[in-house]
Amino acid sequence: MPTYPYTITDFLKGRIHILRQPSPILRFYELKLPDGAFYRVVDFFDARAGGSLPNKIPFNGVEFTATPFNVSDREEDVEGGTDQFTVSIEDVFHVGAALLWQFDGLDGCVVNEWICPYDGIGDVGNAQFQSYEVVSSSISEGPDLLVLTVGEYNIVERIFPKEFYDRNRCPNEYVNRFIPGNRCSYPSNEFDEKRTQDYLVGGDEKVQQRKYGWWTQRAVRTGLFRVGPPGVSAGGLGIVSDTAFIRWESEDRYGPNIFRPITGDFDVHTLVSSLLQARTKWMAGFCIQDEADAVSFPGENPPVTPDSSWLLWGMTDNTTGGRQLFVRSTETNVSSSAVYAFTDLYLRVKRTGVTYELFSKNTEAEPWTLRASIVNDVLGAVPVNRVGLFIGSDNIVGTDTVGAVFEYIRFTAGGLPACLQVFSDCVLHDNTVDFNGFQGIPDEKPTVENEEPPGEE
């Protein structure tokens, strides 16, 4: 009769130990970010579980970071359709805060959840899986937490596409979105009272990405660089220089500016509502430039490289205390300029290939008048132009400042100038409203007093 290295009693004792001390159950959370990347964390399923986990745990072919988090009880949402619950993730290193800032919130992001015993993580088939979406997201301080309110996908929405419940076409023409009372509130590429920000904060010499699609350059050379500053209309942009070197000519490219990268042809206009003309040889208006980096040297020496090209169209000093229109076209650091005896503050630039047409007018109601047509072979050959607004001065050693207020910058071609009046374009423009429990196109009813425009937060 064979012998065994253990007795029946030993076997039972060992088996009881296994039954009484099962492998801990883990909860894996995977948040799909708007740019296609993922934020992944893992913790014990039971918040009362003791012990610790390795910093990184491989699962489903990727690694999850061991991070304490808490999942609340599920509650029925306000519409009575699906359950919602809160996931509070420890955010000591402010990773979650950075994600909220980068993507302006995580609402609508997909969340995948796996619940799996620790000794079974080698096979994702051992896990219980569920997918959710983020209803709302925020940061809680003391302790620092990334707080996600998560809900299950609406079952009806899963079965029937939500476009089925929406009007298939918007009654509002996108081109009329600036007319008071129009229900289309998407602001295009203009400034907006609900998109205010101080561009001076954290400003430096380099190109910097800001919120709402804007970029700044040479922000450090300003004393004011802000949307909606005191004394300026809610959506207006105020820029006031300091006394630094802010010249724009030949190798010199130092004035503060704000822009959007626009691919291909465009048509854009602005209103310069006020000017601060303290510094002689001042300039303010449109700046269209390539993507070459501006370079600073000690002592404000002009950069030798890189060669760059740009186009300025706006107002400048007429040398007698007034203003006049001017254009300056620069190709690979070689500039040519011209002035025009007009004082119009409505400015427009239209690009068609290598040709830039420059318009102005005196009032909103007037038609545009073509003032100049400039061919810039170098700038026009670049697919992406930085299209924006600037201030500057040819007075290199001036001790006074230059300032301007721009009421808006609006694209009628290029950027996001058009809409097909269908739901998919409303989503693209972030301009939807709640429609019987689903997201839909803003309706045609007129705006009434004290009513919030649709599609804005």
Protein backbone atom coordinates (compact mmCIF):
# COMPACT_ATOMS: atom_id res chain seq x y z
CA MET A 1 0.00 0.00 0.00
CA PRO A 2 1.49 3.36 -1.00
CA THR A 3 2.33 5.95 1.62
CA TYR A 4 1.61 9.69 1.43
CA PRO A 5 3.66 12.63 2.81
CA TYR A 6 0.65 13.83 4.77
CA THR A 7 -2.27 12.39 6.68
CA ILE A 8 -5.96 12.88 6.03
CA THR A 9 -6.02 15.18 9.04
CA ASP A 10 -3.26 17.36 7.55
CA PHE A 11 -5.12 17.55 4.25
CA LEU A 12 -8.34 18.66 5.93
CA LYS A 13 -6.52 21.25 8.01
CA GLY A 14 -4.90 22.67 4.91
CA ARG A 15 -8.14 22.71 2.98
CA ILE A 16 -9.96 24.48 5.81
CA HIS A 17 -7.18 27.08 5.87
CA ILE A 18 -7.64 27.72 2.14
CA LEU A 19 -11.39 28.02 2.53
CA ARG A 20 -11.07 30.39 5.46
CA GLN A 21 -8.34 32.51 3.84
CA PRO A 22 -9.43 32.95 0.22
CA SER A 23 -7.47 35.01 -2.29
CA PRO A 24 -8.47 38.71 -1.97
CA ILE A 25 -10.81 40.11 -4.57
CA LEU A 26 -9.58 43.12 -6.54
CA ARG A 27 -11.49 45.85 -8.33
CA PHE A 28 -9.87 47.22 -11.51
CA TYR A 29 -10.97 50.57 -12.97
CA GLU A 30 -9.98 51.75 -16.44
CA LEU A 31 -10.93 55.29 -17.52
CA LYS A 32 -10.66 56.00 -21.25
CA LEU A 33 -9.50 59.60 -21.70
CA PRO A 34 -10.68 61.91 -24.52
CA ASP A 35 -7.31 61.65 -26.30
CA GLY A 36 -7.49 57.83 -26.44
CA ALA A 37 -5.10 57.22 -23.52
CA PHE A 38 -6.14 55.41 -20.31
CA TYR A 39 -6.03 56.06 -16.56
CA ARG A 40 -5.94 52.71 -14.70
CA VAL A 41 -6.16 52.00 -10.94
CA VAL A 42 -6.73 48.89 -8.81
CA ASP A 43 -7.65 48.36 -5.16
CA PHE A 44 -9.15 45.72 -2.88
CA PHE A 45 -12.84 45.12 -3.60
CA ASP A 46 -13.54 45.19 0.14
CA ALA A 47 -12.50 48.53 1.61
CA ARG A 48 -11.99 46.78 4.98
CA ALA A 49 -9.40 44.38 3.57
CA GLY A 50 -6.00 44.52 5.23
CA GLY A 51 -2.55 44.17 3.72
CA SER A 52 -1.04 45.93 0.74
CA LEU A 53 -0.72 45.46 -3.00
CA PRO A 54 2.28 45.75 -5.33
CA ASN A 55 2.59 49.20 -6.92
CA LYS A 56 1.82 47.83 -10.39
CA ILE A 57 -0.47 44.87 -11.08
CA PRO A 58 -0.63 43.34 -14.58
CA PHE A 59 -4.13 42.54 -15.80
CA ASN A 60 -5.71 42.12 -19.22
CA GLY A 61 -2.39 42.81 -20.95
CA VAL A 62 -1.73 46.17 -19.25
CA GLU A 63 -0.63 47.47 -15.83
CA PHE A 64 -2.91 49.01 -13.22
CA THR A 65 -1.54 51.25 -10.45
CA ALA A 66 -2.45 50.25 -6.90
CA THR A 67 -4.36 53.27 -5.59
CA PRO A 68 -6.83 53.45 -2.70
CA PHE A 69 -10.33 54.32 -3.87
CA ASN A 70 -13.85 54.01 -2.57
CA VAL A 71 -17.04 53.10 -4.43
CA SER A 72 -20.33 54.30 -3.00
CA ASP A 73 -23.66 52.49 -2.95
CA ARG A 74 -25.67 52.66 -6.15
CA GLU A 75 -28.59 55.02 -6.36
CA GLU A 76 -31.26 55.49 -8.99
CA ASP A 77 -30.60 58.59 -11.09
CA VAL A 78 -32.97 61.55 -11.18
CA GLU A 79 -34.69 60.33 -14.34
CA GLY A 80 -35.37 56.89 -12.90
CA GLY A 81 -33.66 55.10 -15.73
CA THR A 82 -30.26 53.89 -14.58
CA ASP A 83 -28.19 53.54 -11.44
CA GLN A 84 -25.41 55.94 -10.50
CA PHE A 85 -22.61 55.69 -7.96
CA THR A 86 -19.53 57.64 -6.93
CA VAL A 87 -15.91 56.53 -7.32
CA SER A 88 -13.52 58.54 -5.11
CA ILE A 89 -9.89 57.90 -6.10
CA GLU A 90 -6.98 59.05 -3.92
CA ASP A 91 -5.12 61.80 -5.79
CA VAL A 92 -2.06 62.57 -3.67
CA PHE A 93 0.10 63.30 -6.70
CA HIS A 94 -2.67 65.35 -8.42
CA VAL A 95 -2.79 63.10 -11.47
CA GLY A 96 -6.58 63.28 -11.54
CA ALA A 97 -6.54 67.06 -11.09
CA ALA A 98 -4.20 67.37 -14.05
CA LEU A 99 -6.52 65.25 -16.20
CA LEU A 100 -9.55 67.36 -15.27
CA TRP A 101 -7.64 70.53 -16.18
CA GLN A 102 -6.23 69.07 -19.41
CA PHE A 103 -9.57 67.86 -20.76
CA ASP A 104 -11.82 70.45 -19.07
CA GLY A 105 -13.58 67.66 -17.19
CA LEU A 106 -14.02 63.93 -17.81
CA ASP A 107 -17.78 63.86 -18.31
CA GLY A 108 -18.89 61.30 -20.88
CA CYS A 109 -15.70 59.22 -20.67
CA VAL A 110 -16.08 55.44 -20.65
CA VAL A 111 -15.21 53.55 -17.45
CA ASN A 112 -14.52 49.80 -17.51
CA GLU A 113 -14.70 47.78 -14.29
CA TRP A 114 -13.39 44.28 -13.62
CA ILE A 115 -13.84 42.41 -10.34
CA CYS A 116 -11.50 39.45 -10.06
CA PRO A 117 -9.81 37.29 -7.35
CA TYR A 118 -6.11 38.00 -7.02
CA ASP A 119 -5.13 34.43 -7.87
CA GLY A 120 -7.16 34.62 -11.11
CA ILE A 121 -5.86 37.85 -12.65
CA GLY A 122 -3.82 35.90 -15.19
CA ASP A 123 -7.02 35.21 -17.14
CA VAL A 124 -9.45 38.10 -17.75
CA GLY A 125 -12.16 35.47 -18.21
CA ASN A 126 -12.15 34.98 -14.43
CA ALA A 127 -13.38 38.53 -13.91
CA GLN A 128 -16.84 40.03 -13.71
CA PHE A 129 -16.95 42.90 -16.22
CA GLN A 130 -19.14 46.00 -16.52
CA SER A 131 -18.84 49.24 -18.49
CA TYR A 132 -20.13 52.67 -17.42
CA GLU A 133 -19.82 56.30 -18.40
CA VAL A 134 -18.83 59.35 -16.31
CA VAL A 135 -21.83 61.55 -15.50
CA SER A 136 -19.81 64.23 -13.69
CA SER A 137 -16.26 64.72 -12.45
CA SER A 138 -14.61 66.92 -9.86
CA ILE A 139 -11.69 67.26 -7.44
CA SER A 140 -12.14 67.14 -3.68
CA GLU A 141 -9.53 68.67 -1.39
CA GLY A 142 -8.45 67.50 2.05
CA PRO A 143 -7.89 64.65 1.33
CA ASP A 144 -7.23 65.11 -2.37
CA LEU A 145 -9.62 62.91 -4.35
CA LEU A 146 -10.65 62.53 -7.96
CA VAL A 147 -14.42 62.11 -7.66
CA LEU A 148 -16.29 60.50 -10.56
CA THR A 149 -20.05 60.11 -10.59
CA VAL A 150 -20.54 57.05 -12.76
CA GLY A 151 -23.69 55.70 -14.38
CA GLU A 152 -24.67 52.75 -16.50
CA TYR A 153 -25.42 53.32 -20.17
CA ASN A 154 -29.09 53.90 -20.79
CA ILE A 155 -30.47 50.55 -22.00
CA VAL A 156 -32.87 52.18 -24.48
CA GLU A 157 -30.04 54.28 -25.85
CA ARG A 158 -28.00 51.11 -26.35
CA ILE A 159 -30.76 49.47 -28.36
CA PHE A 160 -31.86 52.49 -30.39
CA PRO A 161 -29.41 55.16 -31.60
CA LYS A 162 -30.14 58.40 -29.83
CA GLU A 163 -30.36 60.24 -33.16
CA PHE A 164 -33.65 58.35 -33.56
CA TYR A 165 -35.11 60.48 -30.78
CA ASP A 166 -33.60 63.76 -31.97
CA ARG A 167 -34.74 66.23 -34.56
CA ASN A 168 -32.73 65.23 -37.62
CA ARG A 169 -31.99 68.82 -38.57
CA CYS A 170 -31.49 72.06 -36.68
CA PRO A 171 -33.86 74.94 -37.55
CA ASN A 172 -31.14 77.53 -36.86
CA GLU A 173 -28.53 78.56 -39.38
CA TYR A 174 -25.06 78.50 -37.91
CA VAL A 175 -24.11 81.64 -39.83
CA ASN A 176 -26.71 83.55 -37.77
CA ARG A 177 -25.35 82.40 -34.40
CA PHE A 178 -24.28 85.93 -33.42
CA ILE A 179 -27.77 87.41 -33.91
CA PRO A 180 -29.42 88.09 -30.51
CA GLY A 181 -32.12 85.54 -29.73
CA ASN A 182 -30.75 82.84 -32.01
CA ARG A 183 -30.69 79.46 -30.27
CA CYS A 184 -27.35 78.42 -31.70
CA SER A 185 -24.97 79.49 -28.96
CA TYR A 186 -21.75 77.82 -30.04
CA PRO A 187 -19.20 80.67 -29.98
CA SER A 188 -17.04 79.48 -32.89
CA ASN A 189 -13.45 80.60 -32.42
CA GLU A 190 -14.33 83.78 -30.62
CA PHE A 191 -13.87 84.88 -27.03
CA ASP A 192 -16.81 84.34 -24.73
CA GLU A 193 -17.88 85.56 -21.31
CA LYS A 194 -18.04 81.96 -20.06
CA ARG A 195 -14.58 81.19 -21.42
CA THR A 196 -12.67 83.88 -19.55
CA GLN A 197 -9.07 83.31 -18.58
CA ASP A 198 -5.99 85.30 -17.61
CA TYR A 199 -3.26 84.61 -20.16
CA LEU A 200 -0.72 86.58 -18.15
CA VAL A 201 -0.72 83.90 -15.43
CA GLY A 202 2.24 81.61 -16.03
CA GLY A 203 3.19 83.55 -19.14
CA ASP A 204 6.65 83.21 -20.63
CA GLU A 205 8.45 83.92 -23.92
CA LYS A 206 7.47 80.66 -25.57
CA VAL A 207 4.37 79.42 -27.33
CA GLN A 208 1.99 78.20 -24.61
CA GLN A 209 -1.22 76.21 -24.96
CA ARG A 210 -4.14 77.78 -23.10
CA LYS A 211 -7.76 76.76 -22.55
CA TYR A 212 -10.54 76.67 -25.16
CA GLY A 213 -8.17 76.13 -28.08
CA TRP A 214 -6.11 79.32 -27.70
CA TRP A 215 -2.32 79.63 -27.68
CA THR A 216 -0.19 82.58 -26.55
CA GLN A 217 3.32 83.77 -27.35
CA ARG A 218 5.44 86.34 -25.50
CA ALA A 219 2.78 86.56 -22.78
CA VAL A 220 5.44 87.61 -20.28
CA ARG A 221 5.81 90.93 -22.12
CA THR A 222 2.37 92.11 -20.98
CA GLY A 223 0.95 93.74 -17.90
CA LEU A 224 -2.58 92.70 -18.88
CA PHE A 225 -3.54 89.74 -21.07
CA ARG A 226 -7.05 88.61 -20.22
CA VAL A 227 -10.52 87.85 -21.56
CA GLY A 228 -13.14 89.91 -19.72
CA PRO A 229 -10.90 92.18 -17.59
CA PRO A 230 -12.49 94.97 -15.50
CA GLY A 231 -13.77 97.74 -17.73
CA VAL A 232 -13.93 95.49 -20.80
CA SER A 233 -17.03 93.79 -22.20
CA ALA A 234 -17.53 90.27 -20.87
CA GLY A 235 -16.20 88.56 -23.99
CA GLY A 236 -13.57 91.14 -24.93
CA LEU A 237 -9.83 90.49 -24.89
CA GLY A 238 -7.58 93.15 -23.36
CA ILE A 239 -3.83 93.16 -24.04
CA VAL A 240 -1.51 95.80 -22.57
CA SER A 241 2.25 95.51 -23.03
CA ASP A 242 4.91 96.22 -20.47
CA THR A 243 7.84 98.45 -21.49
CA ALA A 244 9.83 95.61 -23.03
CA PHE A 245 11.09 95.19 -26.58
CA ILE A 246 7.93 94.40 -28.63
CA ARG A 247 9.03 95.12 -32.20
CA TRP A 248 7.75 93.15 -35.24
CA GLU A 249 10.00 93.64 -38.24
CA SER A 250 12.66 91.63 -40.10
CA GLU A 251 14.39 89.40 -37.53
CA ASP A 252 12.49 90.99 -34.65
CA ARG A 253 9.38 89.10 -33.60
CA TYR A 254 8.79 90.00 -29.97
CA GLY A 255 5.26 91.37 -29.53
CA PRO A 256 2.75 89.45 -27.36
CA ASN A 257 0.11 87.63 -29.37
CA ILE A 258 -2.68 85.06 -29.14
CA PHE A 259 -3.66 82.65 -31.90
CA ARG A 260 -5.27 79.45 -33.13
CA PRO A 261 -3.51 77.07 -35.54
CA ILE A 262 -5.65 76.98 -38.71
CA THR A 263 -5.01 74.54 -41.55
CA GLY A 264 -5.55 75.76 -45.11
CA ASP A 265 -7.60 78.75 -46.23
CA PHE A 266 -9.54 80.89 -43.77
CA ASP A 267 -11.62 84.06 -43.48
CA VAL A 268 -11.50 85.85 -40.12
CA HIS A 269 -12.53 89.23 -38.74
CA THR A 270 -12.33 91.24 -35.52
CA LEU A 271 -13.30 94.56 -33.96
CA VAL A 272 -10.66 96.65 -32.20
CA SER A 273 -12.94 98.49 -29.79
CA SER A 274 -10.32 100.65 -28.06
CA LEU A 275 -6.63 101.51 -28.28
CA LEU A 276 -4.02 102.72 -25.81
CA GLN A 277 -1.64 104.87 -27.85
CA ALA A 278 0.90 105.94 -25.24
CA ARG A 279 3.92 104.51 -27.02
CA THR A 280 4.96 105.94 -30.38
CA LYS A 281 5.01 103.72 -33.48
CA TRP A 282 2.44 101.44 -31.84
CA MET A 283 0.68 98.62 -33.70
CA ALA A 284 -2.35 96.42 -33.02
CA GLY A 285 -4.44 94.02 -35.06
CA PHE A 286 -4.19 90.68 -36.86
CA CYS A 287 -1.02 88.61 -36.87
CA ILE A 288 -0.80 85.65 -39.25
CA GLN A 289 2.45 83.72 -38.78
CA ASP A 290 4.15 80.44 -39.52
CA GLU A 291 5.09 77.90 -36.85
CA ALA A 292 8.75 78.84 -36.49
CA ASP A 293 9.80 79.35 -32.87
CA ALA A 294 10.53 82.86 -31.67
CA VAL A 295 13.99 83.02 -30.07
CA SER A 296 15.17 85.30 -27.27
CA PHE A 297 18.75 86.22 -26.56
CA PRO A 298 20.35 88.07 -23.63
CA GLY A 299 20.27 91.80 -24.27
CA GLU A 300 17.31 91.39 -26.66
CA ASN A 301 19.53 90.71 -29.64
CA PRO A 302 17.44 89.70 -32.67
CA PRO A 303 17.51 85.99 -33.42
CA VAL A 304 19.65 84.86 -36.32
CA THR A 305 17.59 81.70 -36.74
CA PRO A 306 15.07 80.42 -37.43
CA ASP A 307 13.91 82.34 -40.47
CA SER A 308 10.20 83.03 -40.14
CA SER A 309 7.40 84.68 -42.08
CA TRP A 310 4.29 86.53 -41.03
CA LEU A 311 1.68 89.11 -41.99
CA LEU A 312 0.43 92.01 -39.85
CA TRP A 313 -2.82 93.83 -40.65
CA GLY A 314 -4.20 96.46 -38.30
CA MET A 315 -3.83 99.93 -36.89
CA THR A 316 -0.66 101.91 -36.33
CA ASP A 317 0.57 105.35 -35.32
CA ASN A 318 0.00 108.04 -38.00
CA THR A 319 2.74 110.20 -36.30
CA THR A 320 0.28 113.02 -35.48
CA GLY A 321 -1.51 111.43 -32.52
CA GLY A 322 -4.03 109.51 -34.57
CA ARG A 323 -4.22 106.14 -36.28
CA GLN A 324 -4.09 104.64 -39.75
CA LEU A 325 -4.30 101.20 -41.33
CA PHE A 326 -1.06 99.39 -42.09
CA VAL A 327 0.17 96.08 -43.48
CA ARG A 328 3.55 94.42 -42.98
CA SER A 329 4.47 91.30 -44.92
CA THR A 330 7.56 89.36 -43.83
CA GLU A 331 9.14 86.54 -45.80
CA THR A 332 12.08 84.67 -44.19
CA ASN A 333 12.90 87.65 -41.94
CA VAL A 334 12.65 90.30 -44.69
CA SER A 335 9.81 92.81 -44.17
CA SER A 336 7.96 95.29 -46.38
CA SER A 337 5.30 97.70 -45.11
CA ALA A 338 2.58 100.03 -46.38
CA VAL A 339 0.08 102.40 -44.71
CA TYR A 340 -3.43 103.49 -45.70
CA ALA A 341 -5.20 106.70 -44.66
CA PHE A 342 -8.20 104.99 -43.10
CA THR A 343 -9.19 104.73 -39.43
CA ASP A 344 -11.47 101.69 -39.60
CA LEU A 345 -11.48 99.41 -36.55
CA TYR A 346 -13.30 96.45 -38.14
CA LEU A 347 -10.57 94.28 -39.66
CA ARG A 348 -10.69 91.16 -41.82
CA VAL A 349 -8.14 88.77 -43.36
CA LYS A 350 -8.96 86.17 -46.00
CA ARG A 351 -6.41 83.59 -47.09
CA THR A 352 -6.62 81.80 -50.45
CA GLY A 353 -3.45 79.82 -50.96
CA VAL A 354 -0.50 82.26 -50.99
CA THR A 355 -2.77 85.33 -51.34
CA TYR A 356 -4.01 87.26 -48.31
CA GLU A 357 -6.81 89.77 -48.90
CA LEU A 358 -7.11 92.52 -46.30
CA PHE A 359 -10.41 94.27 -45.63
CA SER A 360 -11.74 96.94 -43.27
CA LYS A 361 -14.92 98.86 -42.56
CA ASN A 362 -16.05 101.63 -40.25
CA THR A 363 -19.31 100.19 -38.84
CA GLU A 364 -20.87 96.77 -38.36
CA ALA A 365 -23.56 97.42 -40.98
CA GLU A 366 -21.20 98.49 -43.76
CA PRO A 367 -19.92 96.07 -46.39
CA TRP A 368 -16.25 95.11 -46.28
CA THR A 369 -13.86 97.16 -48.43
CA LEU A 370 -10.79 95.45 -49.88
CA ARG A 371 -7.76 97.55 -48.92
CA ALA A 372 -4.89 95.35 -50.10
CA SER A 373 -4.09 91.98 -51.59
CA ILE A 374 -0.75 90.58 -50.42
CA VAL A 375 1.06 87.60 -51.90
CA ASN A 376 3.34 85.97 -49.33
CA ASP A 377 4.81 82.95 -51.08
CA VAL A 378 6.59 81.64 -47.98
CA LEU A 379 3.79 82.04 -45.43
CA GLY A 380 1.19 80.93 -47.98
CA ALA A 381 3.11 77.74 -48.69
CA VAL A 382 2.83 76.65 -45.05
CA PRO A 383 -0.23 74.39 -44.48
CA VAL A 384 -0.84 75.65 -40.93
CA ASN A 385 -0.95 79.37 -40.12
CA ARG A 386 -1.13 80.73 -36.61
CA VAL A 387 -4.08 83.10 -36.90
CA GLY A 388 -4.55 85.62 -34.11
CA LEU A 389 -4.16 89.07 -32.61
CA PHE A 390 -1.12 91.05 -31.51
CA ILE A 391 0.20 94.34 -30.15
CA GLY A 392 3.64 95.83 -30.73
CA SER A 393 5.71 98.91 -31.43
CA ASP A 394 8.58 99.85 -33.73
CA ASN A 395 9.87 102.10 -30.95
CA ILE A 396 12.56 99.72 -29.74
CA VAL A 397 13.58 101.63 -26.58
CA GLY A 398 10.17 102.99 -25.66
CA THR A 399 9.32 103.31 -21.99
CA ASP A 400 5.55 103.58 -22.53
CA THR A 401 3.04 100.80 -23.05
CA VAL A 402 0.80 99.73 -25.91
CA GLY A 403 -2.69 98.34 -25.40
CA ALA A 404 -5.78 97.25 -27.28
CA VAL A 405 -9.17 95.65 -26.66
CA PHE A 406 -10.46 93.15 -29.23
CA GLU A 407 -14.18 92.46 -28.96
CA TYR A 408 -13.98 89.08 -30.67
CA ILE A 409 -12.22 87.05 -33.35
CA ARG A 410 -14.67 85.27 -35.67
CA PHE A 411 -14.07 82.79 -38.47
CA THR A 412 -16.45 82.55 -41.41
CA ALA A 413 -14.14 80.01 -43.06
CA GLY A 414 -11.46 77.86 -41.48
CA GLY A 415 -11.48 76.62 -37.89
CA LEU A 416 -15.09 75.68 -37.06
CA PRO A 417 -17.03 78.14 -39.19
CA ALA A 418 -19.85 75.95 -40.48
CA CYS A 419 -22.41 73.41 -39.35
CA LEU A 420 -24.45 70.91 -41.36
CA GLN A 421 -27.34 71.49 -38.90
CA VAL A 422 -27.35 67.83 -37.87
CA PHE A 423 -26.85 66.24 -34.47
CA SER A 424 -23.30 65.04 -35.15
CA ASP A 425 -22.18 68.61 -35.84
CA CYS A 426 -23.93 69.82 -32.68
CA VAL A 427 -21.86 67.29 -30.74
CA LEU A 428 -18.69 68.42 -32.54
CA HIS A 429 -19.46 72.01 -31.55
CA ASP A 430 -20.41 71.05 -27.98
CA ASN A 431 -23.79 72.68 -28.45
CA THR A 432 -26.47 70.18 -27.37
CA VAL A 433 -29.37 70.33 -24.91
CA ASP A 434 -31.25 67.75 -22.89
CA PHE A 435 -34.13 66.48 -25.04
CA ASN A 436 -36.53 64.19 -23.16
CA GLY A 437 -33.67 62.44 -21.40
CA PHE A 438 -31.37 62.42 -24.45
CA GLN A 439 -28.91 64.90 -25.86
CA GLY A 440 -30.36 66.76 -28.82
CA ILE A 441 -30.18 69.80 -31.05
CA PRO A 442 -31.20 73.16 -29.50
CA ASP A 443 -34.77 73.95 -30.51
CA GLU A 444 -36.13 76.97 -32.32
CA LYS A 445 -37.90 78.69 -29.43
CA PRO A 446 -36.69 82.27 -28.87
CA THR A 447 -34.38 83.09 -25.98
CA VAL A 448 -36.22 84.65 -23.07
CA GLU A 449 -34.90 86.84 -20.31
CA ASN A 450 -32.95 85.06 -17.55
CA GLU A 451 -32.74 81.88 -19.62
CA GLU A 452 -29.35 80.20 -19.93
CA PRO A 453 -28.27 79.69 -23.56
CA PRO A 454 -28.08 76.01 -24.50
CA GLY A 455 -24.86 74.10 -24.84
CA GLU A 456 -22.89 76.22 -22.35
CA GLU A 457 -21.80 75.39 -18.85
